[in-house]
Amino acid sequence: MINVSTTAASKINELLSEEGKEGSGLRVFVQGGGCSGFQYGLMIEEDGGTADQVYESNGVRLFIDPVSISYLKGAEVDFVETVTGGGFTIKNPNATSTCGCGSSFSA
């Protein structure tokens, strides 16, 4: 299971509305790369693939491929505002270490 914070859900729904893609969801994935070995990816997804696991959290549909799900179990998508702007982050209990930018990890 992967969760979306209420703050992130609000921002995601706002973005989907701006893009005219109400009813779509968010693809959350892990790929090789980044300074710690793996990096997260997020993108708007209209319909998932046949092998995807689909979750719903705070009104947001999440599409996760079979490889990524093993790295993302128990994770949370959040949205944080900082002095330099805002952005989505993933809080991942499976990460053994993360890099300074927060967008890559090792497991």
N, C-alpha and C. Protein backbone atom coordinates (compact mmCIF):
# COMPACT_ATOMS: atom_id res chain seq x y z
N MET A 1 0.84 -1.19 0.00
CA MET A 1 0.00 0.00 0.00
C MET A 1 0.88 1.24 0.00
N ILE A 2 0.48 2.22 -0.74
CA ILE A 2 1.16 3.51 -0.77
C ILE A 2 0.10 4.58 -0.51
N ASN A 3 0.47 5.60 0.23
CA ASN A 3 -0.48 6.63 0.61
C ASN A 3 -0.12 7.98 0.01
N VAL A 4 -1.12 8.84 -0.06
CA VAL A 4 -0.95 10.22 -0.49
C VAL A 4 -1.42 11.10 0.66
N SER A 5 -0.59 12.04 1.09
CA SER A 5 -1.00 12.95 2.16
C SER A 5 -2.14 13.83 1.66
N THR A 6 -2.89 14.40 2.58
CA THR A 6 -3.99 15.28 2.18
C THR A 6 -3.48 16.51 1.43
N THR A 7 -2.31 17.01 1.82
CA THR A 7 -1.71 18.15 1.13
C THR A 7 -1.36 17.78 -0.31
N ALA A 8 -0.73 16.63 -0.49
CA ALA A 8 -0.36 16.18 -1.84
C ALA A 8 -1.61 15.89 -2.67
N ALA A 9 -2.62 15.27 -2.06
CA ALA A 9 -3.85 14.96 -2.79
C ALA A 9 -4.50 16.23 -3.32
N SER A 10 -4.53 17.26 -2.50
CA SER A 10 -5.09 18.54 -2.92
C SER A 10 -4.33 19.11 -4.11
N LYS A 11 -3.01 19.06 -4.04
CA LYS A 11 -2.16 19.60 -5.11
C LYS A 11 -2.30 18.75 -6.38
N ILE A 12 -2.35 17.44 -6.24
CA ILE A 12 -2.50 16.56 -7.40
C ILE A 12 -3.83 16.84 -8.10
N ASN A 13 -4.91 16.92 -7.33
CA ASN A 13 -6.22 17.19 -7.93
C ASN A 13 -6.26 18.56 -8.59
N GLU A 14 -5.57 19.53 -8.01
CA GLU A 14 -5.47 20.86 -8.61
C GLU A 14 -4.74 20.78 -9.96
N LEU A 15 -3.63 20.04 -10.00
CA LEU A 15 -2.88 19.88 -11.24
C LEU A 15 -3.68 19.14 -12.31
N LEU A 16 -4.38 18.08 -11.90
CA LEU A 16 -5.20 17.33 -12.85
C LEU A 16 -6.30 18.22 -13.44
N SER A 17 -6.88 19.05 -12.61
CA SER A 17 -7.92 19.97 -13.06
C SER A 17 -7.35 20.99 -14.05
N GLU A 18 -6.18 21.54 -13.72
CA GLU A 18 -5.53 22.51 -14.62
C GLU A 18 -5.21 21.90 -15.98
N GLU A 19 -4.84 20.61 -15.98
CA GLU A 19 -4.49 19.91 -17.22
C GLU A 19 -5.72 19.36 -17.95
N GLY A 20 -6.91 19.53 -17.34
CA GLY A 20 -8.12 18.97 -17.94
C GLY A 20 -8.16 17.46 -17.90
N LYS A 21 -7.54 16.87 -16.87
CA LYS A 21 -7.44 15.42 -16.78
C LYS A 21 -8.07 14.89 -15.50
N GLU A 22 -9.22 15.49 -15.12
CA GLU A 22 -9.94 14.98 -13.97
C GLU A 22 -10.26 13.51 -14.20
N GLY A 23 -10.18 12.69 -13.19
CA GLY A 23 -10.41 11.26 -13.34
C GLY A 23 -9.14 10.47 -13.61
N SER A 24 -8.07 11.17 -13.97
CA SER A 24 -6.79 10.50 -14.16
C SER A 24 -6.14 10.29 -12.79
N GLY A 25 -4.97 9.72 -12.78
CA GLY A 25 -4.27 9.47 -11.53
C GLY A 25 -2.81 9.81 -11.65
N LEU A 26 -2.04 9.25 -10.74
CA LEU A 26 -0.62 9.53 -10.67
C LEU A 26 0.15 8.22 -10.75
N ARG A 27 1.09 8.14 -11.70
CA ARG A 27 1.99 6.99 -11.75
C ARG A 27 3.17 7.31 -10.84
N VAL A 28 3.46 6.39 -9.93
CA VAL A 28 4.61 6.51 -9.04
C VAL A 28 5.53 5.35 -9.38
N PHE A 29 6.80 5.66 -9.65
CA PHE A 29 7.70 4.59 -10.06
C PHE A 29 9.11 4.82 -9.53
N VAL A 30 9.88 3.76 -9.58
CA VAL A 30 11.28 3.78 -9.18
C VAL A 30 12.09 3.33 -10.39
N GLN A 31 13.19 4.03 -10.63
CA GLN A 31 14.08 3.63 -11.72
C GLN A 31 15.52 3.76 -11.26
N GLY A 32 16.40 3.06 -11.94
CA GLY A 32 17.81 3.16 -11.62
C GLY A 32 18.34 4.54 -11.94
N GLY A 33 19.26 5.02 -11.12
CA GLY A 33 19.86 6.33 -11.35
C GLY A 33 19.92 7.14 -10.08
N GLY A 34 20.23 8.39 -10.21
CA GLY A 34 20.36 9.25 -9.03
C GLY A 34 21.67 8.97 -8.33
N CYS A 35 22.00 9.81 -7.38
CA CYS A 35 23.29 9.67 -6.71
C CYS A 35 23.30 8.55 -5.66
N SER A 36 22.14 7.98 -5.33
CA SER A 36 22.09 6.89 -4.35
C SER A 36 21.72 5.55 -4.95
N GLY A 37 21.54 5.47 -6.26
CA GLY A 37 21.27 4.19 -6.91
C GLY A 37 19.89 4.08 -7.54
N PHE A 38 18.85 4.61 -6.88
CA PHE A 38 17.49 4.60 -7.41
C PHE A 38 16.93 6.00 -7.31
N GLN A 39 16.00 6.32 -8.22
CA GLN A 39 15.33 7.60 -8.11
C GLN A 39 13.84 7.42 -8.32
N TYR A 40 13.06 8.32 -7.74
CA TYR A 40 11.61 8.29 -7.85
C TYR A 40 11.16 9.02 -9.09
N GLY A 41 10.01 8.63 -9.59
CA GLY A 41 9.39 9.33 -10.70
C GLY A 41 7.90 9.45 -10.45
N LEU A 42 7.33 10.56 -10.88
CA LEU A 42 5.90 10.82 -10.78
C LEU A 42 5.44 11.38 -12.11
N MET A 43 4.29 10.91 -12.59
CA MET A 43 3.72 11.47 -13.80
C MET A 43 2.22 11.22 -13.84
N ILE A 44 1.50 12.07 -14.55
CA ILE A 44 0.07 11.89 -14.69
C ILE A 44 -0.18 10.64 -15.53
N GLU A 45 -1.14 9.85 -15.10
CA GLU A 45 -1.47 8.60 -15.79
C GLU A 45 -2.98 8.55 -15.98
N GLU A 46 -3.41 8.36 -17.23
CA GLU A 46 -4.84 8.29 -17.50
C GLU A 46 -5.39 6.90 -17.25
N ASP A 47 -4.72 5.88 -17.76
CA ASP A 47 -5.13 4.49 -17.55
C ASP A 47 -3.87 3.67 -17.32
N GLY A 48 -3.90 2.85 -16.30
CA GLY A 48 -2.73 2.05 -16.00
C GLY A 48 -2.59 0.86 -16.94
N GLY A 49 -1.43 0.21 -16.86
CA GLY A 49 -1.19 -0.99 -17.64
C GLY A 49 -1.82 -2.20 -16.97
N THR A 50 -1.87 -3.31 -17.68
CA THR A 50 -2.53 -4.50 -17.16
C THR A 50 -1.82 -5.08 -15.94
N ALA A 51 -0.52 -4.88 -15.82
CA ALA A 51 0.22 -5.43 -14.68
C ALA A 51 0.30 -4.47 -13.50
N ASP A 52 -0.16 -3.23 -13.68
CA ASP A 52 -0.08 -2.24 -12.60
C ASP A 52 -0.96 -2.60 -11.42
N GLN A 53 -0.50 -2.23 -10.25
CA GLN A 53 -1.35 -2.27 -9.07
C GLN A 53 -1.92 -0.87 -8.93
N VAL A 54 -3.21 -0.80 -8.65
CA VAL A 54 -3.89 0.49 -8.54
C VAL A 54 -4.37 0.66 -7.10
N TYR A 55 -4.01 1.79 -6.51
CA TYR A 55 -4.41 2.13 -5.15
C TYR A 55 -5.18 3.44 -5.20
N GLU A 56 -5.95 3.69 -4.19
CA GLU A 56 -6.58 5.00 -4.05
C GLU A 56 -6.31 5.49 -2.64
N SER A 57 -5.87 6.72 -2.54
CA SER A 57 -5.56 7.32 -1.25
C SER A 57 -5.98 8.78 -1.27
N ASN A 58 -6.81 9.17 -0.35
CA ASN A 58 -7.31 10.55 -0.27
C ASN A 58 -7.86 11.04 -1.60
N GLY A 59 -8.57 10.15 -2.31
CA GLY A 59 -9.22 10.54 -3.55
C GLY A 59 -8.32 10.56 -4.77
N VAL A 60 -7.09 10.09 -4.65
CA VAL A 60 -6.15 10.07 -5.78
C VAL A 60 -5.86 8.62 -6.15
N ARG A 61 -6.01 8.31 -7.45
CA ARG A 61 -5.64 6.98 -7.92
C ARG A 61 -4.15 6.95 -8.19
N LEU A 62 -3.52 5.87 -7.73
CA LEU A 62 -2.08 5.67 -7.92
C LEU A 62 -1.86 4.41 -8.73
N PHE A 63 -1.01 4.51 -9.75
CA PHE A 63 -0.66 3.38 -10.59
C PHE A 63 0.81 3.04 -10.34
N ILE A 64 1.06 1.77 -9.98
CA ILE A 64 2.43 1.37 -9.66
C ILE A 64 2.74 0.05 -10.36
N ASP A 65 3.86 0.04 -11.09
CA ASP A 65 4.25 -1.17 -11.81
C ASP A 65 4.78 -2.22 -10.83
N PRO A 66 4.80 -3.50 -11.23
CA PRO A 66 5.20 -4.59 -10.33
C PRO A 66 6.62 -4.47 -9.76
N VAL A 67 7.56 -3.93 -10.51
CA VAL A 67 8.93 -3.79 -10.01
C VAL A 67 8.99 -2.69 -8.95
N SER A 68 8.35 -1.56 -9.22
CA SER A 68 8.41 -0.42 -8.29
C SER A 68 7.71 -0.70 -6.97
N ILE A 69 6.66 -1.52 -7.00
CA ILE A 69 5.87 -1.73 -5.78
C ILE A 69 6.72 -2.33 -4.66
N SER A 70 7.69 -3.15 -5.01
CA SER A 70 8.52 -3.76 -3.95
C SER A 70 9.37 -2.71 -3.23
N TYR A 71 9.69 -1.61 -3.90
CA TYR A 71 10.47 -0.54 -3.28
C TYR A 71 9.59 0.50 -2.59
N LEU A 72 8.29 0.51 -2.89
CA LEU A 72 7.41 1.59 -2.42
C LEU A 72 6.38 1.17 -1.38
N LYS A 73 6.40 -0.09 -0.95
CA LYS A 73 5.42 -0.53 0.05
C LYS A 73 5.53 0.32 1.31
N GLY A 74 4.41 0.89 1.72
CA GLY A 74 4.37 1.70 2.93
C GLY A 74 4.82 3.13 2.74
N ALA A 75 5.14 3.52 1.50
CA ALA A 75 5.62 4.89 1.24
C ALA A 75 4.46 5.88 1.21
N GLU A 76 4.80 7.15 1.32
CA GLU A 76 3.80 8.22 1.26
C GLU A 76 4.27 9.32 0.32
N VAL A 77 3.38 9.72 -0.59
CA VAL A 77 3.63 10.87 -1.46
C VAL A 77 3.15 12.10 -0.69
N ASP A 78 4.00 13.10 -0.58
CA ASP A 78 3.66 14.32 0.15
C ASP A 78 4.01 15.52 -0.72
N PHE A 79 3.51 16.68 -0.36
CA PHE A 79 3.87 17.93 -1.03
C PHE A 79 4.35 18.89 0.03
N VAL A 80 5.53 19.44 -0.16
CA VAL A 80 6.10 20.35 0.83
C VAL A 80 6.40 21.70 0.19
N GLU A 81 6.15 22.74 0.95
CA GLU A 81 6.48 24.11 0.55
C GLU A 81 7.75 24.51 1.29
N THR A 82 8.70 25.09 0.56
CA THR A 82 9.93 25.58 1.18
C THR A 82 10.13 27.03 0.76
N VAL A 83 11.15 27.64 1.28
CA VAL A 83 11.47 29.01 0.94
C VAL A 83 11.74 29.15 -0.56
N THR A 84 12.31 28.12 -1.15
CA THR A 84 12.67 28.17 -2.56
C THR A 84 11.56 27.65 -3.49
N GLY A 85 10.43 27.25 -2.94
CA GLY A 85 9.33 26.74 -3.75
C GLY A 85 8.74 25.49 -3.14
N GLY A 86 7.92 24.79 -3.89
CA GLY A 86 7.29 23.58 -3.38
C GLY A 86 7.53 22.43 -4.32
N GLY A 87 7.27 21.24 -3.82
CA GLY A 87 7.43 20.06 -4.67
C GLY A 87 6.97 18.80 -3.97
N PHE A 88 6.80 17.76 -4.76
CA PHE A 88 6.39 16.47 -4.23
C PHE A 88 7.60 15.73 -3.68
N THR A 89 7.40 15.03 -2.59
CA THR A 89 8.43 14.19 -2.00
C THR A 89 7.83 12.82 -1.72
N ILE A 90 8.68 11.85 -1.58
CA ILE A 90 8.23 10.51 -1.22
C ILE A 90 8.94 10.12 0.06
N LYS A 91 8.13 9.82 1.07
CA LYS A 91 8.66 9.34 2.35
C LYS A 91 8.62 7.82 2.27
N ASN A 92 9.79 7.21 2.21
CA ASN A 92 9.88 5.78 1.95
C ASN A 92 10.55 5.05 3.11
N PRO A 93 9.78 4.22 3.85
CA PRO A 93 10.38 3.47 4.96
C PRO A 93 11.34 2.37 4.51
N ASN A 94 11.35 2.04 3.22
CA ASN A 94 12.22 0.99 2.69
C ASN A 94 13.60 1.51 2.30
N ALA A 95 13.77 2.82 2.24
CA ALA A 95 15.06 3.40 1.83
C ALA A 95 16.05 3.27 2.99
N THR A 96 17.21 2.71 2.70
CA THR A 96 18.24 2.59 3.72
C THR A 96 19.08 3.87 3.81
N SER A 97 19.11 4.63 2.72
CA SER A 97 19.76 5.94 2.75
C SER A 97 19.19 6.77 1.61
N THR A 98 19.29 8.08 1.76
CA THR A 98 18.82 9.00 0.73
C THR A 98 19.90 10.02 0.44
N CYS A 99 19.75 10.70 -0.67
CA CYS A 99 20.72 11.74 -1.00
C CYS A 99 20.24 13.08 -0.47
N GLY A 100 21.05 14.09 -0.57
CA GLY A 100 20.70 15.41 -0.07
C GLY A 100 19.52 16.04 -0.77
N CYS A 101 19.32 15.73 -2.06
CA CYS A 101 18.22 16.34 -2.79
C CYS A 101 16.89 15.66 -2.47
N GLY A 102 16.92 14.45 -1.90
CA GLY A 102 15.71 13.76 -1.52
C GLY A 102 15.00 13.05 -2.66
N SER A 103 15.57 13.05 -3.85
CA SER A 103 14.89 12.39 -4.96
C SER A 103 15.54 11.06 -5.35
N SER A 104 16.58 10.66 -4.65
CA SER A 104 17.15 9.33 -4.91
C SER A 104 17.42 8.64 -3.58
N PHE A 105 17.53 7.30 -3.66
CA PHE A 105 17.68 6.50 -2.44
C PHE A 105 18.38 5.20 -2.76
N SER A 106 18.77 4.49 -1.72
CA SER A 106 19.24 3.12 -1.88
C SER A 106 18.41 2.24 -0.96
N ALA A 107 18.28 1.00 -1.37
CA ALA A 107 17.42 0.07 -0.61
C ALA A 107 18.24 -1.11 -0.14
